[in-house]
N, C-alpha and C. Protein backbone atom coordinates (compact mmCIF):
# COMPACT_ATOMS: atom_id res chain seq x y z
N UNK A 1 151.55 -101.06 134.47
CA UNK A 1 151.79 -102.25 135.31
C UNK A 1 153.23 -102.24 135.81
N UNK A 2 153.42 -102.51 137.07
CA UNK A 2 154.76 -102.54 137.63
C UNK A 2 155.56 -103.68 137.02
N UNK A 3 156.85 -103.50 136.99
CA UNK A 3 157.72 -104.49 136.37
C UNK A 3 158.00 -105.65 137.31
N UNK A 4 158.32 -106.78 136.72
CA UNK A 4 158.87 -107.90 137.46
C UNK A 4 160.33 -107.57 137.80
N UNK A 5 160.85 -108.18 138.84
CA UNK A 5 162.27 -108.07 139.15
C UNK A 5 162.83 -109.47 139.26
N UNK A 6 163.77 -109.77 138.38
CA UNK A 6 164.39 -111.09 138.35
C UNK A 6 165.77 -111.00 138.97
N UNK A 7 165.97 -111.76 140.04
CA UNK A 7 167.28 -111.88 140.66
C UNK A 7 167.98 -113.06 139.99
N UNK A 8 169.15 -112.79 139.43
CA UNK A 8 169.83 -113.85 138.71
C UNK A 8 171.29 -113.56 138.51
N UNK A 9 171.91 -114.46 137.76
CA UNK A 9 173.33 -114.32 137.44
C UNK A 9 173.55 -114.89 136.04
N UNK A 10 174.30 -114.16 135.20
CA UNK A 10 174.51 -114.64 133.83
C UNK A 10 175.01 -116.08 133.78
N UNK A 11 174.35 -116.88 132.96
CA UNK A 11 174.73 -118.27 132.76
C UNK A 11 174.15 -119.24 133.77
N UNK A 12 173.51 -118.73 134.82
CA UNK A 12 172.94 -119.59 135.86
C UNK A 12 171.48 -119.93 135.52
N UNK A 13 170.79 -120.54 136.46
CA UNK A 13 169.42 -120.99 136.21
C UNK A 13 168.43 -119.90 135.91
N UNK A 14 168.77 -118.67 136.25
CA UNK A 14 167.88 -117.54 135.96
C UNK A 14 167.70 -117.34 134.46
N UNK A 15 168.61 -117.89 133.65
CA UNK A 15 168.48 -117.77 132.20
C UNK A 15 167.13 -118.31 131.73
N UNK A 16 166.70 -119.40 132.34
CA UNK A 16 165.47 -120.06 131.93
C UNK A 16 164.27 -119.13 132.07
N UNK A 17 164.24 -118.36 133.14
CA UNK A 17 163.14 -117.43 133.37
C UNK A 17 163.34 -116.15 132.56
N UNK A 18 164.56 -115.68 132.49
CA UNK A 18 164.85 -114.46 131.72
C UNK A 18 164.41 -114.63 130.27
N UNK A 19 164.67 -115.79 129.69
CA UNK A 19 164.29 -116.03 128.30
C UNK A 19 162.78 -115.95 128.11
N UNK A 20 162.04 -116.48 129.07
CA UNK A 20 160.59 -116.44 128.96
C UNK A 20 160.04 -115.03 129.13
N UNK A 21 160.55 -114.32 130.12
CA UNK A 21 160.10 -112.94 130.34
C UNK A 21 160.33 -112.09 129.09
N UNK A 22 161.51 -112.24 128.50
CA UNK A 22 161.84 -111.44 127.32
C UNK A 22 160.95 -111.80 126.14
N UNK A 23 160.79 -113.11 125.89
CA UNK A 23 160.00 -113.54 124.74
C UNK A 23 158.52 -113.21 124.89
N UNK A 24 158.03 -113.18 126.12
CA UNK A 24 156.63 -112.84 126.37
C UNK A 24 156.40 -111.33 126.36
N UNK A 25 157.47 -110.57 126.25
CA UNK A 25 157.34 -109.11 126.20
C UNK A 25 156.97 -108.49 127.53
N UNK A 26 157.33 -109.14 128.62
CA UNK A 26 157.00 -108.63 129.94
C UNK A 26 158.08 -107.67 130.43
N UNK A 27 157.66 -106.59 131.02
CA UNK A 27 158.62 -105.63 131.55
C UNK A 27 159.26 -106.20 132.81
N UNK A 28 160.58 -106.21 132.83
CA UNK A 28 161.26 -106.73 134.02
C UNK A 28 162.61 -106.06 134.20
N UNK A 29 163.01 -105.98 135.44
CA UNK A 29 164.34 -105.51 135.79
C UNK A 29 165.17 -106.72 136.20
N UNK A 30 166.42 -106.72 135.80
CA UNK A 30 167.31 -107.82 136.15
C UNK A 30 168.27 -107.33 137.22
N UNK A 31 168.24 -107.97 138.37
CA UNK A 31 169.16 -107.63 139.45
C UNK A 31 170.21 -108.74 139.55
N UNK A 32 171.41 -108.42 139.11
CA UNK A 32 172.47 -109.43 139.11
C UNK A 32 173.00 -109.65 140.51
N UNK A 33 173.08 -110.90 140.89
CA UNK A 33 173.64 -111.27 142.19
C UNK A 33 175.08 -111.74 141.98
N UNK A 34 175.92 -111.65 143.00
CA UNK A 34 177.29 -112.16 142.87
C UNK A 34 177.30 -113.68 142.89
N UNK A 35 178.48 -114.25 142.74
CA UNK A 35 178.62 -115.70 142.81
C UNK A 35 178.18 -116.18 144.19
N UNK A 36 177.07 -116.87 144.24
CA UNK A 36 176.48 -117.25 145.52
C UNK A 36 177.25 -118.38 146.20
N UNK A 37 178.17 -119.01 145.49
CA UNK A 37 179.01 -120.03 146.11
C UNK A 37 180.14 -119.40 146.91
N UNK A 38 180.57 -118.21 146.49
CA UNK A 38 181.73 -117.59 147.12
C UNK A 38 181.41 -116.33 147.91
N UNK A 39 180.27 -115.71 147.67
CA UNK A 39 179.96 -114.45 148.31
C UNK A 39 178.97 -114.63 149.46
N UNK A 40 179.46 -114.54 150.67
CA UNK A 40 178.58 -114.63 151.83
C UNK A 40 177.61 -113.47 151.86
N UNK A 41 178.09 -112.29 151.48
CA UNK A 41 177.23 -111.11 151.46
C UNK A 41 176.11 -111.29 150.44
N UNK A 42 176.46 -111.85 149.28
CA UNK A 42 175.44 -112.10 148.26
C UNK A 42 174.38 -113.06 148.75
N UNK A 43 174.79 -114.13 149.43
CA UNK A 43 173.81 -115.09 149.97
C UNK A 43 172.94 -114.42 151.03
N UNK A 44 173.56 -113.60 151.85
CA UNK A 44 172.80 -112.92 152.91
C UNK A 44 171.77 -111.96 152.32
N UNK A 45 172.17 -111.20 151.32
CA UNK A 45 171.26 -110.22 150.72
C UNK A 45 170.11 -110.91 149.99
N UNK A 46 170.42 -111.92 149.19
CA UNK A 46 169.36 -112.62 148.46
C UNK A 46 168.49 -113.40 149.44
N UNK A 47 169.10 -113.87 150.54
CA UNK A 47 168.35 -114.61 151.54
C UNK A 47 167.22 -113.81 152.16
N UNK A 48 167.31 -112.49 152.08
CA UNK A 48 166.23 -111.66 152.60
C UNK A 48 165.00 -111.72 151.70
N UNK A 49 165.22 -112.12 150.45
CA UNK A 49 164.12 -112.26 149.49
C UNK A 49 163.71 -113.72 149.35
N UNK A 50 164.71 -114.59 149.24
CA UNK A 50 164.50 -116.03 149.10
C UNK A 50 165.40 -116.72 150.12
N UNK A 51 164.84 -117.30 151.16
CA UNK A 51 165.65 -117.90 152.23
C UNK A 51 166.68 -118.91 151.75
N UNK A 52 166.44 -119.55 150.59
CA UNK A 52 167.41 -120.49 150.06
C UNK A 52 168.57 -119.79 149.37
N UNK A 53 168.42 -118.48 149.13
CA UNK A 53 169.46 -117.71 148.44
C UNK A 53 169.85 -118.38 147.12
N UNK A 54 168.84 -118.70 146.32
CA UNK A 54 169.07 -119.33 145.03
C UNK A 54 168.41 -118.51 143.93
N UNK A 55 168.91 -118.70 142.72
CA UNK A 55 168.28 -118.11 141.55
C UNK A 55 167.76 -119.25 140.67
N UNK A 56 166.65 -118.97 139.94
CA UNK A 56 165.96 -117.69 139.82
C UNK A 56 165.05 -117.38 141.01
N UNK A 57 165.01 -116.11 141.35
CA UNK A 57 164.03 -115.58 142.29
C UNK A 57 163.33 -114.44 141.58
N UNK A 58 162.02 -114.47 141.57
CA UNK A 58 161.25 -113.47 140.82
C UNK A 58 160.31 -112.72 141.76
N UNK A 59 160.48 -111.40 141.80
CA UNK A 59 159.53 -110.56 142.53
C UNK A 59 158.43 -110.16 141.56
N UNK A 60 157.20 -110.46 141.92
CA UNK A 60 156.06 -110.18 141.05
C UNK A 60 155.66 -108.72 141.15
N UNK A 61 154.89 -108.23 140.19
CA UNK A 61 154.47 -106.83 140.22
C UNK A 61 153.73 -106.42 141.49
N UNK A 62 153.08 -107.36 142.17
CA UNK A 62 152.37 -107.02 143.40
C UNK A 62 153.28 -107.05 144.63
N UNK A 63 154.56 -107.32 144.40
CA UNK A 63 155.53 -107.33 145.49
C UNK A 63 155.78 -108.69 146.10
N UNK A 64 154.98 -109.68 145.78
CA UNK A 64 155.20 -111.02 146.33
C UNK A 64 156.36 -111.69 145.58
N UNK A 65 156.86 -112.77 146.14
CA UNK A 65 158.04 -113.43 145.59
C UNK A 65 157.68 -114.84 145.14
N UNK A 66 158.21 -115.21 143.99
CA UNK A 66 158.02 -116.55 143.46
C UNK A 66 159.39 -117.15 143.17
N UNK A 67 159.60 -118.37 143.63
CA UNK A 67 160.85 -119.08 143.38
C UNK A 67 160.55 -120.39 142.66
N UNK A 68 161.59 -121.10 142.28
CA UNK A 68 161.53 -122.38 141.58
C UNK A 68 161.13 -122.15 140.12
N UNK A 69 162.02 -122.48 139.23
CA UNK A 69 161.82 -122.16 137.81
C UNK A 69 160.57 -122.81 137.22
N UNK A 70 160.25 -124.02 137.65
CA UNK A 70 159.05 -124.67 137.12
C UNK A 70 157.79 -123.92 137.56
N UNK A 71 157.76 -123.51 138.83
CA UNK A 71 156.61 -122.74 139.32
C UNK A 71 156.48 -121.42 138.57
N UNK A 72 157.61 -120.78 138.31
CA UNK A 72 157.59 -119.51 137.59
C UNK A 72 157.11 -119.73 136.15
N UNK A 73 157.57 -120.79 135.53
CA UNK A 73 157.16 -121.11 134.16
C UNK A 73 155.64 -121.27 134.07
N UNK A 74 155.07 -122.04 134.98
CA UNK A 74 153.62 -122.26 134.98
C UNK A 74 152.88 -120.98 135.32
N UNK A 75 153.43 -120.20 136.26
CA UNK A 75 152.79 -118.94 136.64
C UNK A 75 152.74 -117.97 135.46
N UNK A 76 153.84 -117.83 134.74
CA UNK A 76 153.87 -116.87 133.63
C UNK A 76 152.86 -117.24 132.55
N UNK A 77 152.68 -118.54 132.33
CA UNK A 77 151.67 -118.97 131.36
C UNK A 77 150.28 -118.55 131.83
N UNK A 78 150.01 -118.74 133.12
CA UNK A 78 148.71 -118.36 133.67
C UNK A 78 148.53 -116.84 133.66
N UNK A 79 149.58 -116.12 134.05
CA UNK A 79 149.47 -114.67 134.19
C UNK A 79 149.26 -113.98 132.85
N UNK A 80 149.85 -114.53 131.79
CA UNK A 80 149.74 -113.90 130.48
C UNK A 80 148.59 -114.48 129.65
N UNK A 81 148.10 -115.65 130.06
CA UNK A 81 147.07 -116.31 129.28
C UNK A 81 147.58 -116.82 127.95
N UNK A 82 148.90 -117.02 127.87
CA UNK A 82 149.52 -117.48 126.63
C UNK A 82 150.08 -118.88 126.81
N UNK A 83 150.14 -119.60 125.69
CA UNK A 83 150.65 -120.97 125.75
C UNK A 83 151.94 -121.14 124.95
N UNK A 84 152.70 -120.05 124.82
CA UNK A 84 153.95 -120.10 124.06
C UNK A 84 154.87 -121.21 124.56
N UNK A 85 154.93 -121.38 125.88
CA UNK A 85 155.93 -122.27 126.48
C UNK A 85 155.32 -123.39 127.31
N UNK A 86 154.02 -123.35 127.55
CA UNK A 86 153.35 -124.37 128.36
C UNK A 86 152.12 -124.85 127.60
N UNK A 87 152.08 -126.11 127.19
CA UNK A 87 150.88 -126.62 126.52
C UNK A 87 149.66 -126.45 127.43
N UNK A 88 148.56 -125.98 126.89
CA UNK A 88 147.38 -125.74 127.74
C UNK A 88 146.71 -127.04 128.16
N UNK A 89 145.86 -126.97 129.19
CA UNK A 89 145.12 -128.15 129.60
C UNK A 89 144.37 -128.75 128.41
N UNK A 90 144.42 -130.05 128.29
CA UNK A 90 143.75 -130.72 127.19
C UNK A 90 144.64 -130.96 125.99
N UNK A 91 145.76 -130.25 125.94
CA UNK A 91 146.68 -130.46 124.82
C UNK A 91 147.34 -131.82 124.96
N UNK A 92 147.52 -132.50 123.84
CA UNK A 92 148.06 -133.86 123.87
C UNK A 92 149.46 -133.91 124.47
N UNK A 93 150.21 -132.82 124.34
CA UNK A 93 151.57 -132.82 124.84
C UNK A 93 151.72 -132.43 126.29
N UNK A 94 150.62 -132.01 126.92
CA UNK A 94 150.75 -131.49 128.28
C UNK A 94 151.23 -132.54 129.30
N UNK A 95 150.73 -133.77 129.29
CA UNK A 95 151.21 -134.73 130.29
C UNK A 95 152.72 -134.93 130.22
N UNK A 96 153.27 -135.09 129.00
CA UNK A 96 154.71 -135.29 128.89
C UNK A 96 155.47 -134.01 129.24
N UNK A 97 154.88 -132.87 128.92
CA UNK A 97 155.52 -131.61 129.31
C UNK A 97 155.66 -131.55 130.83
N UNK A 98 154.59 -131.83 131.54
CA UNK A 98 154.63 -131.77 133.00
C UNK A 98 155.59 -132.82 133.56
N UNK A 99 155.57 -134.00 132.98
CA UNK A 99 156.45 -135.05 133.47
C UNK A 99 157.92 -134.62 133.39
N UNK A 100 158.34 -134.16 132.22
CA UNK A 100 159.75 -133.87 132.03
C UNK A 100 160.15 -132.53 132.62
N UNK A 101 159.22 -131.61 132.74
CA UNK A 101 159.52 -130.37 133.46
C UNK A 101 159.87 -130.69 134.91
N UNK A 102 159.04 -131.47 135.55
CA UNK A 102 159.28 -131.83 136.94
C UNK A 102 160.52 -132.72 137.07
N UNK A 103 160.73 -133.61 136.11
CA UNK A 103 161.92 -134.46 136.13
C UNK A 103 163.20 -133.62 136.11
N UNK A 104 163.24 -132.63 135.24
CA UNK A 104 164.44 -131.80 135.13
C UNK A 104 164.71 -131.02 136.41
N UNK A 105 163.64 -130.47 137.01
CA UNK A 105 163.87 -129.61 138.17
C UNK A 105 164.01 -130.38 139.47
N UNK A 106 163.51 -131.60 139.52
CA UNK A 106 163.62 -132.37 140.78
C UNK A 106 164.74 -133.40 140.76
N UNK A 107 165.21 -133.75 139.57
CA UNK A 107 166.26 -134.76 139.48
C UNK A 107 167.57 -134.20 138.94
N UNK A 108 167.54 -133.59 137.75
CA UNK A 108 168.79 -133.11 137.15
C UNK A 108 169.29 -131.85 137.84
N UNK A 109 168.40 -130.88 138.00
CA UNK A 109 168.83 -129.59 138.54
C UNK A 109 169.49 -129.69 139.92
N UNK A 110 168.97 -130.50 140.84
CA UNK A 110 169.61 -130.59 142.16
C UNK A 110 171.03 -131.12 142.14
N UNK A 111 171.42 -131.82 141.07
CA UNK A 111 172.79 -132.31 141.04
C UNK A 111 173.77 -131.15 141.00
N UNK A 112 173.36 -130.02 140.46
CA UNK A 112 174.23 -128.85 140.46
C UNK A 112 174.25 -128.20 141.85
N UNK A 113 173.12 -128.20 142.50
CA UNK A 113 173.05 -127.65 143.86
C UNK A 113 174.04 -128.35 144.77
N UNK A 114 174.15 -129.66 144.64
CA UNK A 114 174.98 -130.43 145.55
C UNK A 114 176.42 -130.59 145.07
N UNK A 115 176.63 -130.68 143.76
CA UNK A 115 177.98 -131.00 143.29
C UNK A 115 178.78 -129.80 142.81
N UNK A 116 178.14 -128.66 142.54
CA UNK A 116 178.92 -127.51 142.10
C UNK A 116 179.86 -127.03 143.20
N UNK A 117 179.44 -127.18 144.44
CA UNK A 117 180.30 -126.84 145.58
C UNK A 117 180.05 -127.87 146.68
N UNK A 118 180.54 -129.09 146.50
CA UNK A 118 180.21 -130.18 147.44
C UNK A 118 180.70 -129.93 148.86
N UNK A 119 181.66 -129.04 149.04
CA UNK A 119 182.20 -128.82 150.38
C UNK A 119 181.21 -128.11 151.30
N UNK A 120 180.11 -127.66 150.74
CA UNK A 120 179.05 -127.13 151.60
C UNK A 120 178.37 -128.25 152.36
N UNK A 121 178.47 -129.48 151.83
CA UNK A 121 177.74 -130.60 152.41
C UNK A 121 178.68 -131.69 152.92
N UNK A 122 179.84 -131.83 152.29
CA UNK A 122 180.82 -132.85 152.67
C UNK A 122 182.12 -132.12 152.96
N UNK A 123 182.52 -132.06 154.21
CA UNK A 123 183.61 -131.17 154.59
C UNK A 123 184.99 -131.79 154.38
N UNK A 124 185.10 -133.10 154.42
CA UNK A 124 186.39 -133.74 154.17
C UNK A 124 186.74 -133.61 152.69
N UNK A 125 187.96 -133.15 152.39
CA UNK A 125 188.37 -132.87 151.02
C UNK A 125 188.28 -134.10 150.13
N UNK A 126 188.80 -135.19 150.58
CA UNK A 126 188.79 -136.42 149.78
C UNK A 126 187.37 -136.91 149.56
N UNK A 127 186.58 -136.90 150.62
CA UNK A 127 185.18 -137.34 150.50
C UNK A 127 184.40 -136.41 149.58
N UNK A 128 184.69 -135.11 149.64
CA UNK A 128 183.99 -134.14 148.80
C UNK A 128 184.27 -134.40 147.32
N UNK A 129 185.52 -134.72 147.00
CA UNK A 129 185.85 -135.01 145.60
C UNK A 129 185.16 -136.28 145.12
N UNK A 130 185.11 -137.29 145.98
CA UNK A 130 184.43 -138.53 145.61
C UNK A 130 182.93 -138.29 145.44
N UNK A 131 182.36 -137.47 146.32
CA UNK A 131 180.94 -137.14 146.24
C UNK A 131 180.65 -136.40 144.93
N UNK A 132 181.49 -135.43 144.60
CA UNK A 132 181.30 -134.66 143.37
C UNK A 132 181.35 -135.58 142.15
N UNK A 133 182.32 -136.48 142.12
CA UNK A 133 182.44 -137.39 140.98
C UNK A 133 181.21 -138.31 140.87
N UNK A 134 180.70 -138.77 142.00
CA UNK A 134 179.53 -139.65 142.00
C UNK A 134 178.30 -138.91 141.50
N UNK A 135 178.13 -137.66 141.94
CA UNK A 135 176.97 -136.88 141.51
C UNK A 135 177.08 -136.54 140.02
N UNK A 136 178.29 -136.23 139.57
CA UNK A 136 178.48 -135.94 138.14
C UNK A 136 178.10 -137.15 137.29
N UNK A 137 178.50 -138.33 137.73
CA UNK A 137 178.16 -139.54 136.99
C UNK A 137 176.66 -139.80 137.03
N UNK A 138 176.04 -139.55 138.16
CA UNK A 138 174.59 -139.71 138.29
C UNK A 138 173.87 -138.75 137.35
N UNK A 139 174.38 -137.53 137.24
CA UNK A 139 173.76 -136.55 136.33
C UNK A 139 173.80 -137.04 134.89
N UNK A 140 174.94 -137.59 134.48
CA UNK A 140 175.05 -138.12 133.13
C UNK A 140 174.04 -139.24 132.91
N UNK A 141 173.86 -140.07 133.93
CA UNK A 141 172.89 -141.17 133.82
C UNK A 141 171.47 -140.62 133.67
N UNK A 142 171.17 -139.53 134.38
CA UNK A 142 169.85 -138.91 134.26
C UNK A 142 169.62 -138.38 132.84
N UNK A 143 170.63 -137.72 132.29
CA UNK A 143 170.48 -137.20 130.92
C UNK A 143 170.27 -138.34 129.92
N UNK A 144 170.88 -139.48 130.20
CA UNK A 144 170.67 -140.63 129.30
C UNK A 144 169.23 -141.14 129.39
N UNK A 145 168.57 -140.88 130.51
CA UNK A 145 167.15 -141.21 130.63
C UNK A 145 166.29 -140.22 129.85
N UNK A 146 166.72 -138.97 129.82
CA UNK A 146 165.95 -137.93 129.13
C UNK A 146 166.06 -138.08 127.61
N UNK A 147 167.23 -138.42 127.14
CA UNK A 147 167.50 -138.46 125.70
C UNK A 147 166.46 -139.27 124.91
N UNK A 148 166.08 -140.48 125.30
CA UNK A 148 165.11 -141.23 124.49
C UNK A 148 163.73 -140.59 124.45
N UNK A 149 163.41 -139.77 125.46
CA UNK A 149 162.08 -139.15 125.51
C UNK A 149 161.98 -137.92 124.63
N UNK A 150 163.12 -137.38 124.20
CA UNK A 150 163.12 -136.15 123.42
C UNK A 150 162.63 -136.40 122.01
N UNK A 151 161.78 -135.49 121.55
CA UNK A 151 161.27 -135.57 120.19
C UNK A 151 162.09 -134.72 119.24
N UNK A 152 161.51 -134.46 118.06
CA UNK A 152 162.16 -133.61 117.07
C UNK A 152 161.06 -132.92 116.25
N UNK A 153 161.24 -131.68 115.85
CA UNK A 153 162.44 -130.87 116.07
C UNK A 153 162.57 -130.30 117.48
N UNK A 154 161.47 -130.39 118.27
CA UNK A 154 161.50 -129.90 119.64
C UNK A 154 161.27 -131.06 120.60
N UNK A 155 161.45 -130.81 121.88
CA UNK A 155 161.33 -131.89 122.85
C UNK A 155 159.98 -132.58 122.73
N UNK A 156 158.91 -131.79 122.55
CA UNK A 156 157.56 -132.36 122.44
C UNK A 156 157.18 -132.69 121.01
N UNK A 157 158.14 -132.68 120.11
CA UNK A 157 157.85 -132.97 118.71
C UNK A 157 157.72 -131.69 117.92
N UNK A 158 156.50 -131.43 117.42
CA UNK A 158 156.29 -130.25 116.58
C UNK A 158 156.10 -128.97 117.39
N UNK A 159 155.91 -129.10 118.71
CA UNK A 159 155.56 -127.93 119.52
C UNK A 159 156.72 -127.48 120.39
N UNK A 160 157.11 -126.21 120.23
CA UNK A 160 158.12 -125.63 121.11
C UNK A 160 157.52 -125.46 122.51
N UNK A 161 158.37 -125.63 123.54
CA UNK A 161 157.91 -125.44 124.90
C UNK A 161 159.08 -125.00 125.77
N UNK A 162 158.78 -124.74 127.03
CA UNK A 162 159.82 -124.35 127.97
C UNK A 162 160.87 -125.45 128.13
N UNK A 163 160.51 -126.69 127.83
CA UNK A 163 161.50 -127.77 127.91
C UNK A 163 162.69 -127.49 127.01
N UNK A 164 162.43 -126.88 125.86
CA UNK A 164 163.51 -126.57 124.93
C UNK A 164 164.42 -125.48 125.51
N UNK A 165 163.84 -124.56 126.26
CA UNK A 165 164.65 -123.52 126.91
C UNK A 165 165.50 -124.15 128.00
N UNK A 166 164.93 -125.06 128.76
CA UNK A 166 165.70 -125.76 129.79
C UNK A 166 166.89 -126.50 129.17
N UNK A 167 166.63 -127.26 128.12
CA UNK A 167 167.69 -128.04 127.49
C UNK A 167 168.77 -127.12 126.92
N UNK A 168 168.36 -126.04 126.25
CA UNK A 168 169.32 -125.12 125.66
C UNK A 168 170.20 -124.48 126.72
N UNK A 169 169.63 -124.22 127.88
CA UNK A 169 170.39 -123.62 128.98
C UNK A 169 171.29 -124.66 129.64
N UNK A 170 170.73 -125.78 130.01
CA UNK A 170 171.46 -126.78 130.81
C UNK A 170 172.53 -127.50 130.00
N UNK A 171 172.43 -127.46 128.67
CA UNK A 171 173.46 -128.08 127.85
C UNK A 171 174.79 -127.33 127.95
N UNK A 172 174.76 -126.10 128.46
CA UNK A 172 175.98 -125.34 128.69
C UNK A 172 176.71 -125.80 129.96
N UNK A 173 176.01 -126.50 130.83
CA UNK A 173 176.56 -126.88 132.12
C UNK A 173 177.14 -128.29 132.03
N UNK A 174 177.72 -128.77 133.13
CA UNK A 174 178.23 -130.14 133.16
C UNK A 174 177.12 -131.12 132.80
N UNK A 175 177.43 -132.17 132.06
CA UNK A 175 178.76 -132.64 131.67
C UNK A 175 179.38 -131.94 130.48
N UNK A 176 178.74 -130.89 129.94
CA UNK A 176 179.34 -130.10 128.88
C UNK A 176 178.80 -130.42 127.50
N UNK A 177 178.96 -129.47 126.61
CA UNK A 177 178.38 -129.59 125.28
C UNK A 177 179.01 -130.74 124.47
N UNK A 178 180.30 -130.98 124.69
CA UNK A 178 180.94 -132.09 123.98
C UNK A 178 180.31 -133.41 124.39
N UNK A 179 180.03 -133.57 125.70
CA UNK A 179 179.39 -134.80 126.16
C UNK A 179 178.02 -134.96 125.51
N UNK A 180 177.25 -133.88 125.45
CA UNK A 180 175.92 -133.95 124.83
C UNK A 180 176.03 -134.35 123.36
N UNK A 181 176.97 -133.77 122.66
CA UNK A 181 177.14 -134.11 121.25
C UNK A 181 177.44 -135.59 121.06
N UNK A 182 178.21 -136.15 121.96
CA UNK A 182 178.61 -137.55 121.84
C UNK A 182 177.58 -138.53 122.38
N UNK A 183 176.79 -138.11 123.35
CA UNK A 183 175.90 -139.04 124.05
C UNK A 183 174.42 -138.72 123.94
N UNK A 184 174.08 -137.52 123.55
CA UNK A 184 172.67 -137.13 123.51
C UNK A 184 172.40 -136.30 122.26
N UNK A 185 172.42 -136.93 121.09
CA UNK A 185 172.27 -136.16 119.84
C UNK A 185 170.92 -135.46 119.71
N UNK A 186 169.86 -136.07 120.24
CA UNK A 186 168.55 -135.40 120.14
C UNK A 186 168.50 -134.16 121.01
N UNK A 187 169.03 -134.24 122.21
CA UNK A 187 169.07 -133.07 123.08
C UNK A 187 170.00 -132.01 122.52
N UNK A 188 171.09 -132.43 121.90
CA UNK A 188 172.01 -131.48 121.27
C UNK A 188 171.31 -130.71 120.16
N UNK A 189 170.54 -131.42 119.35
CA UNK A 189 169.82 -130.77 118.25
C UNK A 189 168.78 -129.78 118.78
N UNK A 190 168.10 -130.16 119.88
CA UNK A 190 167.12 -129.27 120.49
C UNK A 190 167.80 -128.03 121.03
N UNK A 191 168.92 -128.21 121.72
CA UNK A 191 169.65 -127.07 122.27
C UNK A 191 170.12 -126.14 121.17
N UNK A 192 170.61 -126.70 120.09
CA UNK A 192 171.10 -125.89 118.98
C UNK A 192 169.96 -125.10 118.33
N UNK A 193 168.82 -125.76 118.16
CA UNK A 193 167.69 -125.09 117.52
C UNK A 193 167.16 -123.95 118.39
N UNK A 194 167.03 -124.20 119.69
CA UNK A 194 166.58 -123.14 120.59
C UNK A 194 167.62 -122.02 120.67
N UNK A 195 168.89 -122.39 120.57
CA UNK A 195 169.94 -121.39 120.60
C UNK A 195 169.92 -120.46 119.40
N UNK A 196 169.30 -120.91 118.33
CA UNK A 196 169.20 -120.09 117.12
C UNK A 196 167.88 -119.33 117.02
N UNK A 197 167.01 -119.52 118.00
CA UNK A 197 165.69 -118.88 117.98
C UNK A 197 165.86 -117.38 118.21
N UNK A 198 165.40 -116.54 117.28
CA UNK A 198 165.59 -115.09 117.41
C UNK A 198 164.89 -114.49 118.62
N UNK A 199 163.88 -115.16 119.16
CA UNK A 199 163.19 -114.63 120.34
C UNK A 199 164.11 -114.54 121.54
N UNK A 200 165.13 -115.38 121.56
CA UNK A 200 165.99 -115.45 122.74
C UNK A 200 167.41 -114.97 122.46
N UNK A 201 167.66 -114.47 121.27
CA UNK A 201 169.03 -114.18 120.87
C UNK A 201 169.73 -113.23 121.85
N UNK A 202 169.05 -112.15 122.24
CA UNK A 202 169.68 -111.19 123.15
C UNK A 202 169.97 -111.82 124.51
N UNK A 203 169.08 -112.71 124.96
CA UNK A 203 169.28 -113.38 126.25
C UNK A 203 170.47 -114.32 126.17
N UNK A 204 170.55 -115.12 125.09
CA UNK A 204 171.68 -116.03 124.94
C UNK A 204 172.99 -115.25 124.85
N UNK A 205 172.98 -114.15 124.11
CA UNK A 205 174.21 -113.36 123.94
C UNK A 205 174.70 -112.83 125.28
N UNK A 206 173.77 -112.42 126.11
CA UNK A 206 174.17 -111.84 127.40
C UNK A 206 174.66 -112.91 128.37
N UNK A 207 174.04 -114.07 128.32
CA UNK A 207 174.34 -115.11 129.29
C UNK A 207 175.45 -116.06 128.85
N UNK A 208 175.59 -116.24 127.55
CA UNK A 208 176.59 -117.17 127.03
C UNK A 208 177.38 -116.48 125.92
N UNK A 209 178.09 -115.40 126.26
CA UNK A 209 178.77 -114.59 125.23
C UNK A 209 179.80 -115.35 124.41
N UNK A 210 180.37 -116.42 124.96
CA UNK A 210 181.39 -117.16 124.21
C UNK A 210 180.80 -117.80 122.95
N UNK A 211 179.49 -118.07 122.96
CA UNK A 211 178.84 -118.65 121.79
C UNK A 211 178.79 -117.67 120.63
N UNK A 212 178.93 -116.38 120.94
CA UNK A 212 178.78 -115.36 119.91
C UNK A 212 180.07 -114.58 119.69
N UNK A 213 181.16 -115.10 120.26
CA UNK A 213 182.45 -114.41 120.13
C UNK A 213 182.96 -114.47 118.69
């Protein structure tokens, strides 16, 4: 079977898909892209595969392209016939899994798209800084909405899912791990537990080397 090709960058959103591919034992090649905020050439090259020039972008074994981490997560569950990361239809946890999966990718994740480099959208320097601060505060408010919904020891309670991979990855990003420790103890515990999962150890080490220094 031909390998998958994952276009990504260490520490970015591609981590979420890389972790699943590795844990599922799927053969894949990782094509590292440059910093897409600063490299026009990188955006142009990736844009030939994914017009949005965003990661993760996954080329499937048949040559077709799949984007959006939630779509890739659901696809991998279907393609492998495994429920390691996605509760199957009829499972009691599936409705909440779908709810919070979509919540993370449609509400929290876009705050990074817009605020990591606000000058792409707001050209005035002063306005861009104000926009960034407003989006950062909105992101914190969103995480405060997620925190009460989180179970233990995993987001869905007793069942590990891709939600735990999302939390473990996104806890490295703004507002930062210290903020999570102070404001979202349940999410912090989930991130820590997923970070210690041996299935993902090599992926975490490659993407977040400071954690293992």
